[in-house]
Amino acid sequence: MSTTGSSPTTNPSFVERFLTVGEVAKHLRVSNMTVYRLVNSGQLAAVRVGRGYRIREDDVRKYLQQRYMDAG
């Protein structure tokens, strides 16, 4: 059985990249508290790990795409 050509979503050994609240805040250029508010309001999906949250890179991309507006 060959795994050539399989997409990451069908490959069981594929691991998604998760970001910390601090990493997301730095990327979005907002405070950590702003990221916590987005998570708590349900605007940004997150997974609770211990006492902190982890956010998928894909979910950050989706959040930004939903809020993108043409400024022209």
PDB file of N, CA and C in Angstrom:
ATOM      1  N   MET A   1       0.850  -1.178   0.000  1.00  0.00           N
ATOM      2  CA  MET A   1       0.000   0.000   0.000  1.00  0.00           C
ATOM      3  C   MET A   1       0.889   1.231   0.000  1.00  0.00           C
ATOM      4  N   SER A   2       0.652   2.137  -0.920  1.00  0.00           N
ATOM      5  CA  SER A   2       1.475   3.317  -1.091  1.00  0.00           C
ATOM      6  C   SER A   2       0.787   4.533  -0.488  1.00  0.00           C
ATOM      7  N   THR A   3       1.577   5.418   0.131  1.00  0.00           N
ATOM      8  CA  THR A   3       1.015   6.656   0.677  1.00  0.00           C
ATOM      9  C   THR A   3       1.262   7.815  -0.262  1.00  0.00           C
ATOM     10  N   THR A   4       1.881   7.548  -1.418  1.00  0.00           N
ATOM     11  CA  THR A   4       2.146   8.599  -2.387  1.00  0.00           C
ATOM     12  C   THR A   4       0.841   9.195  -2.870  1.00  0.00           C
ATOM     13  N   GLY A   5       0.762  10.517  -2.840  1.00  0.00           N
ATOM     14  CA  GLY A   5      -0.432  11.196  -3.317  1.00  0.00           C
ATOM     15  C   GLY A   5      -1.523  11.340  -2.275  1.00  0.00           C
ATOM     16  N   SER A   6      -1.312  10.820  -1.068  1.00  0.00           N
ATOM     17  CA  SER A   6      -2.351  10.969  -0.057  1.00  0.00           C
ATOM     18  C   SER A   6      -2.309  12.374   0.515  1.00  0.00           C
ATOM     19  N   SER A   7      -3.461  12.915   0.784  1.00  0.00           N
ATOM     20  CA  SER A   7      -3.522  14.261   1.331  1.00  0.00           C
ATOM     21  C   SER A   7      -3.284  14.214   2.840  1.00  0.00           C
ATOM     22  N   PRO A   8      -2.841  15.333   3.433  1.00  0.00           N
ATOM     23  CA  PRO A   8      -2.587  15.351   4.881  1.00  0.00           C
ATOM     24  C   PRO A   8      -3.809  15.001   5.723  1.00  0.00           C
ATOM     25  N   THR A   9      -5.004  15.307   5.227  1.00  0.00           N
ATOM     26  CA  THR A   9      -6.198  15.030   6.012  1.00  0.00           C
ATOM     27  C   THR A   9      -6.541  13.555   6.051  1.00  0.00           C
ATOM     28  N   THR A  10      -6.033  12.764   5.095  1.00  0.00           N
ATOM     29  CA  THR A  10      -6.312  11.338   5.090  1.00  0.00           C
ATOM     30  C   THR A  10      -5.162  10.527   5.648  1.00  0.00           C
ATOM     31  N   ASN A  11      -4.047  11.152   5.917  1.00  0.00           N
ATOM     32  CA  ASN A  11      -2.876  10.469   6.443  1.00  0.00           C
ATOM     33  C   ASN A  11      -2.956  10.442   7.965  1.00  0.00           C
ATOM     34  N   PRO A  12      -3.126   9.255   8.582  1.00  0.00           N
ATOM     35  CA  PRO A  12      -3.301   9.193  10.039  1.00  0.00           C
ATOM     36  C   PRO A  12      -2.075   9.644  10.832  1.00  0.00           C
ATOM     37  N   SER A  13      -0.898   9.672  10.203  1.00  0.00           N
ATOM     38  CA  SER A  13       0.292  10.086  10.936  1.00  0.00           C
ATOM     39  C   SER A  13       0.507  11.599  10.854  1.00  0.00           C
ATOM     40  N   PHE A  14      -0.360  12.297  10.131  1.00  0.00           N
ATOM     41  CA  PHE A  14      -0.245  13.744   9.982  1.00  0.00           C
ATOM     42  C   PHE A  14      -0.594  14.436  11.289  1.00  0.00           C
ATOM     43  N   VAL A  15       0.250  15.371  11.711  1.00  0.00           N
ATOM     44  CA  VAL A  15       0.010  16.134  12.939  1.00  0.00           C
ATOM     45  C   VAL A  15      -0.126  17.602  12.552  1.00  0.00           C
ATOM     46  N   GLU A  16      -1.229  18.206  12.957  1.00  0.00           N
ATOM     47  CA  GLU A  16      -1.455  19.607  12.662  1.00  0.00           C
ATOM     48  C   GLU A  16      -0.587  20.476  13.553  1.00  0.00           C
ATOM     49  N   ARG A  17      -0.295  21.675  13.094  1.00  0.00           N
ATOM     50  CA  ARG A  17       0.512  22.601  13.876  1.00  0.00           C
ATOM     51  C   ARG A  17      -0.412  23.439  14.751  1.00  0.00           C
ATOM     52  N   PHE A  18      -0.118  23.431  16.029  1.00  0.00           N
ATOM     53  CA  PHE A  18      -0.878  24.218  16.998  1.00  0.00           C
ATOM     54  C   PHE A  18      -0.022  25.369  17.501  1.00  0.00           C
ATOM     55  N   LEU A  19      -0.661  26.495  17.757  1.00  0.00           N
ATOM     56  CA  LEU A  19       0.021  27.687  18.247  1.00  0.00           C
ATOM     57  C   LEU A  19      -0.460  28.019  19.653  1.00  0.00           C
ATOM     58  N   THR A  20       0.404  28.632  20.426  1.00  0.00           N
ATOM     59  CA  THR A  20       0.014  29.104  21.749  1.00  0.00           C
ATOM     60  C   THR A  20      -0.716  30.437  21.603  1.00  0.00           C
ATOM     61  N   VAL A  21      -1.350  30.865  22.666  1.00  0.00           N
ATOM     62  CA  VAL A  21      -2.027  32.162  22.678  1.00  0.00           C
ATOM     63  C   VAL A  21      -1.026  33.271  22.374  1.00  0.00           C
ATOM     64  N   GLY A  22       0.150  33.181  22.954  1.00  0.00           N
ATOM     65  CA  GLY A  22       1.186  34.188  22.723  1.00  0.00           C
ATOM     66  C   GLY A  22       1.630  34.252  21.277  1.00  0.00           C
ATOM     67  N   GLU A  23       1.766  33.095  20.639  1.00  0.00           N
ATOM     68  CA  GLU A  23       2.164  33.054  19.229  1.00  0.00           C
ATOM     69  C   GLU A  23       1.088  33.663  18.333  1.00  0.00           C
ATOM     70  N   VAL A  24      -0.178  33.355  18.633  1.00  0.00           N
ATOM     71  CA  VAL A  24      -1.278  33.920  17.847  1.00  0.00           C
ATOM     72  C   VAL A  24      -1.324  35.434  18.046  1.00  0.00           C
ATOM     73  N   ALA A  25      -1.183  35.874  19.286  1.00  0.00           N
ATOM     74  CA  ALA A  25      -1.209  37.307  19.583  1.00  0.00           C
ATOM     75  C   ALA A  25      -0.097  38.034  18.835  1.00  0.00           C
ATOM     76  N   LYS A  26       1.079  37.465  18.822  1.00  0.00           N
ATOM     77  CA  LYS A  26       2.209  38.083  18.126  1.00  0.00           C
ATOM     78  C   LYS A  26       1.934  38.149  16.626  1.00  0.00           C
ATOM     79  N   HIS A  27       1.391  37.071  16.061  1.00  0.00           N
ATOM     80  CA  HIS A  27       1.090  37.015  14.634  1.00  0.00           C
ATOM     81  C   HIS A  27       0.028  38.049  14.249  1.00  0.00           C
ATOM     82  N   LEU A  28      -1.004  38.189  15.084  1.00  0.00           N
ATOM     83  CA  LEU A  28      -2.089  39.132  14.803  1.00  0.00           C
ATOM     84  C   LEU A  28      -1.771  40.551  15.269  1.00  0.00           C
ATOM     85  N   ARG A  29      -0.677  40.695  16.007  1.00  0.00           N
ATOM     86  CA  ARG A  29      -0.271  41.984  16.578  1.00  0.00           C
ATOM     87  C   ARG A  29      -1.345  42.550  17.502  1.00  0.00           C
ATOM     88  N   VAL A  30      -1.813  41.668  18.393  1.00  0.00           N
ATOM     89  CA  VAL A  30      -2.770  42.057  19.424  1.00  0.00           C
ATOM     90  C   VAL A  30      -2.252  41.529  20.761  1.00  0.00           C
ATOM     91  N   SER A  31      -2.934  41.858  21.838  1.00  0.00           N
ATOM     92  CA  SER A  31      -2.518  41.364  23.150  1.00  0.00           C
ATOM     93  C   SER A  31      -2.998  39.931  23.368  1.00  0.00           C
ATOM     94  N   ASN A  32      -2.383  39.256  24.325  1.00  0.00           N
ATOM     95  CA  ASN A  32      -2.831  37.912  24.697  1.00  0.00           C
ATOM     96  C   ASN A  32      -4.294  37.952  25.142  1.00  0.00           C
ATOM     97  N   MET A  33      -4.676  39.002  25.866  1.00  0.00           N
ATOM     98  CA  MET A  33      -6.043  39.121  26.355  1.00  0.00           C
ATOM     99  C   MET A  33      -7.037  39.170  25.203  1.00  0.00           C
ATOM    100  N   THR A  34      -6.679  39.818  24.114  1.00  0.00           N
ATOM    101  CA  THR A  34      -7.557  39.867  22.948  1.00  0.00           C
ATOM    102  C   THR A  34      -7.777  38.471  22.387  1.00  0.00           C
ATOM    103  N   VAL A  35      -6.727  37.666  22.330  1.00  0.00           N
ATOM    104  CA  VAL A  35      -6.851  36.290  21.839  1.00  0.00           C
ATOM    105  C   VAL A  35      -7.737  35.485  22.779  1.00  0.00           C
ATOM    106  N   TYR A  36      -7.544  35.639  24.089  1.00  0.00           N
ATOM    107  CA  TYR A  36      -8.407  34.953  25.057  1.00  0.00           C
ATOM    108  C   TYR A  36      -9.870  35.349  24.860  1.00  0.00           C
ATOM    109  N   ARG A  37     -10.129  36.631  24.607  1.00  0.00           N
ATOM    110  CA  ARG A  37     -11.506  37.085  24.375  1.00  0.00           C
ATOM    111  C   ARG A  37     -12.096  36.449  23.122  1.00  0.00           C
ATOM    112  N   LEU A  38     -11.293  36.353  22.066  1.00  0.00           N
ATOM    113  CA  LEU A  38     -11.764  35.720  20.828  1.00  0.00           C
ATOM    114  C   LEU A  38     -12.099  34.245  21.059  1.00  0.00           C
ATOM    115  N   VAL A  39     -11.262  33.576  21.835  1.00  0.00           N
ATOM    116  CA  VAL A  39     -11.496  32.158  22.140  1.00  0.00           C
ATOM    117  C   VAL A  39     -12.752  32.014  22.995  1.00  0.00           C
ATOM    118  N   ASN A  40     -12.855  32.796  24.051  1.00  0.00           N
ATOM    119  CA  ASN A  40     -13.995  32.690  24.973  1.00  0.00           C
ATOM    120  C   ASN A  40     -15.320  33.081  24.327  1.00  0.00           C
ATOM    121  N   SER A  41     -15.282  33.957  23.331  1.00  0.00           N
ATOM    122  CA  SER A  41     -16.517  34.366  22.645  1.00  0.00           C
ATOM    123  C   SER A  41     -16.895  33.399  21.515  1.00  0.00           C
ATOM    124  N   GLY A  42     -16.006  32.463  21.220  1.00  0.00           N
ATOM    125  CA  GLY A  42     -16.291  31.485  20.171  1.00  0.00           C
ATOM    126  C   GLY A  42     -15.908  31.944  18.780  1.00  0.00           C
ATOM    127  N   GLN A  43     -15.291  33.098  18.661  1.00  0.00           N
ATOM    128  CA  GLN A  43     -14.880  33.607  17.350  1.00  0.00           C
ATOM    129  C   GLN A  43     -13.645  32.898  16.813  1.00  0.00           C
ATOM    130  N   LEU A  44     -12.849  32.337  17.716  1.00  0.00           N
ATOM    131  CA  LEU A  44     -11.626  31.635  17.339  1.00  0.00           C
ATOM    132  C   LEU A  44     -11.610  30.295  18.063  1.00  0.00           C
ATOM    133  N   ALA A  45     -11.580  29.216  17.290  1.00  0.00           N
ATOM    134  CA  ALA A  45     -11.605  27.870  17.871  1.00  0.00           C
ATOM    135  C   ALA A  45     -10.281  27.563  18.557  1.00  0.00           C
ATOM    136  N   ALA A  46     -10.349  26.872  19.686  1.00  0.00           N
ATOM    137  CA  ALA A  46      -9.146  26.505  20.431  1.00  0.00           C
ATOM    138  C   ALA A  46      -9.378  25.203  21.180  1.00  0.00           C
ATOM    139  N   VAL A  47      -8.272  24.567  21.545  1.00  0.00           N
ATOM    140  CA  VAL A  47      -8.301  23.332  22.317  1.00  0.00           C
ATOM    141  C   VAL A  47      -7.664  23.622  23.663  1.00  0.00           C
ATOM    142  N   ARG A  48      -8.300  23.203  24.712  1.00  0.00           N
ATOM    143  CA  ARG A  48      -7.741  23.402  26.051  1.00  0.00           C
ATOM    144  C   ARG A  48      -6.712  22.314  26.319  1.00  0.00           C
ATOM    145  N   VAL A  49      -5.501  22.707  26.674  1.00  0.00           N
ATOM    146  CA  VAL A  49      -4.435  21.771  27.016  1.00  0.00           C
ATOM    147  C   VAL A  49      -3.913  22.183  28.389  1.00  0.00           C
ATOM    148  N   GLY A  50      -4.236  21.390  29.393  1.00  0.00           N
ATOM    149  CA  GLY A  50      -3.863  21.766  30.752  1.00  0.00           C
ATOM    150  C   GLY A  50      -4.568  23.050  31.134  1.00  0.00           C
ATOM    151  N   ARG A  51      -3.789  24.040  31.529  1.00  0.00           N
ATOM    152  CA  ARG A  51      -4.374  25.327  31.914  1.00  0.00           C
ATOM    153  C   ARG A  51      -4.384  26.334  30.773  1.00  0.00           C
ATOM    154  N   GLY A  52      -3.814  25.950  29.627  1.00  0.00           N
ATOM    155  CA  GLY A  52      -3.721  26.883  28.503  1.00  0.00           C
ATOM    156  C   GLY A  52      -4.536  26.436  27.308  1.00  0.00           C
ATOM    157  N   TYR A  53      -4.439  27.203  26.251  1.00  0.00           N
ATOM    158  CA  TYR A  53      -5.132  26.904  25.005  1.00  0.00           C
ATOM    159  C   TYR A  53      -4.118  26.705  23.891  1.00  0.00           C
ATOM    160  N   ARG A  54      -4.505  25.904  22.907  1.00  0.00           N
ATOM    161  CA  ARG A  54      -3.735  25.752  21.683  1.00  0.00           C
ATOM    162  C   ARG A  54      -4.701  25.998  20.534  1.00  0.00           C
ATOM    163  N   ILE A  55      -4.205  26.717  19.532  1.00  0.00           N
ATOM    164  CA  ILE A  55      -5.048  27.120  18.416  1.00  0.00           C
ATOM    165  C   ILE A  55      -4.407  26.620  17.126  1.00  0.00           C
ATOM    166  N   ARG A  56      -5.214  25.950  16.291  1.00  0.00           N
ATOM    167  CA  ARG A  56      -4.690  25.436  15.022  1.00  0.00           C
ATOM    168  C   ARG A  56      -4.377  26.591  14.082  1.00  0.00           C
ATOM    169  N   GLU A  57      -3.273  26.453  13.338  1.00  0.00           N
ATOM    170  CA  GLU A  57      -2.927  27.464  12.342  1.00  0.00           C
ATOM    171  C   GLU A  57      -4.073  27.679  11.354  1.00  0.00           C
ATOM    172  N   ASP A  58      -4.714  26.588  10.963  1.00  0.00           N
ATOM    173  CA  ASP A  58      -5.845  26.666  10.033  1.00  0.00           C
ATOM    174  C   ASP A  58      -6.969  27.524  10.591  1.00  0.00           C
ATOM    175  N   ASP A  59      -7.234  27.413  11.887  1.00  0.00           N
ATOM    176  CA  ASP A  59      -8.300  28.202  12.502  1.00  0.00           C
ATOM    177  C   ASP A  59      -7.955  29.685  12.538  1.00  0.00           C
ATOM    178  N   VAL A  60      -6.677  30.009  12.697  1.00  0.00           N
ATOM    179  CA  VAL A  60      -6.248  31.412  12.649  1.00  0.00           C
ATOM    180  C   VAL A  60      -6.461  31.946  11.231  1.00  0.00           C
ATOM    181  N   ARG A  61      -6.077  31.151  10.216  1.00  0.00           N
ATOM    182  CA  ARG A  61      -6.281  31.545   8.818  1.00  0.00           C
ATOM    183  C   ARG A  61      -7.766  31.771   8.522  1.00  0.00           C
ATOM    184  N   LYS A  62      -8.611  30.850   8.987  1.00  0.00           N
ATOM    185  CA  LYS A  62     -10.057  30.976   8.760  1.00  0.00           C
ATOM    186  C   LYS A  62     -10.593  32.235   9.422  1.00  0.00           C
ATOM    187  N   TYR A  63     -10.146  32.510  10.640  1.00  0.00           N
ATOM    188  CA  TYR A  63     -10.585  33.704  11.357  1.00  0.00           C
ATOM    189  C   TYR A  63     -10.232  34.957  10.552  1.00  0.00           C
ATOM    190  N   LEU A  64      -9.008  35.013  10.045  1.00  0.00           N
ATOM    191  CA  LEU A  64      -8.581  36.182   9.278  1.00  0.00           C
ATOM    192  C   LEU A  64      -9.346  36.303   7.967  1.00  0.00           C
ATOM    193  N   GLN A  65      -9.591  35.189   7.285  1.00  0.00           N
ATOM    194  CA  GLN A  65     -10.332  35.222   6.018  1.00  0.00           C
ATOM    195  C   GLN A  65     -11.758  35.709   6.229  1.00  0.00           C
ATOM    196  N   GLN A  66     -12.380  35.323   7.324  1.00  0.00           N
ATOM    197  CA  GLN A  66     -13.745  35.748   7.611  1.00  0.00           C
ATOM    198  C   GLN A  66     -13.823  37.244   7.875  1.00  0.00           C
ATOM    199  N   ARG A  67     -12.757  37.819   8.376  1.00  0.00           N
ATOM    200  CA  ARG A  67     -12.770  39.227   8.744  1.00  0.00           C
ATOM    201  C   ARG A  67     -12.078  40.120   7.732  1.00  0.00           C
ATOM    202  N   TYR A  68     -11.624  39.537   6.640  1.00  0.00           N
ATOM    203  CA  TYR A  68     -10.933  40.317   5.619  1.00  0.00           C
ATOM    204  C   TYR A  68     -11.926  41.239   4.934  1.00  0.00           C
ATOM    205  N   MET A  69     -11.522  42.491   4.744  1.00  0.00           N
ATOM    206  CA  MET A  69     -12.357  43.422   3.994  1.00  0.00           C
ATOM    207  C   MET A  69     -11.475  44.205   3.046  1.00  0.00           C
ATOM    208  N   ASP A  70     -12.028  44.514   1.926  1.00  0.00           N
ATOM    209  CA  ASP A  70     -11.300  45.293   0.933  1.00  0.00           C
ATOM    210  C   ASP A  70     -11.342  46.756   1.353  1.00  0.00           C
ATOM    211  N   ALA A  71     -10.170  47.321   1.597  1.00  0.00           N
ATOM    212  CA  ALA A  71     -10.099  48.701   2.091  1.00  0.00           C
ATOM    213  C   ALA A  71     -10.032  49.720   0.950  1.00  0.00           C
ATOM    214  N   GLY A  72     -10.403  49.308  -0.239  1.00  0.00           N
ATOM    215  CA  GLY A  72     -10.295  50.219  -1.382  1.00  0.00           C
ATOM    216  C   GLY A  72     -11.570  50.544  -1.908  1.00  0.00           C
TER     217      GLY A  72
END
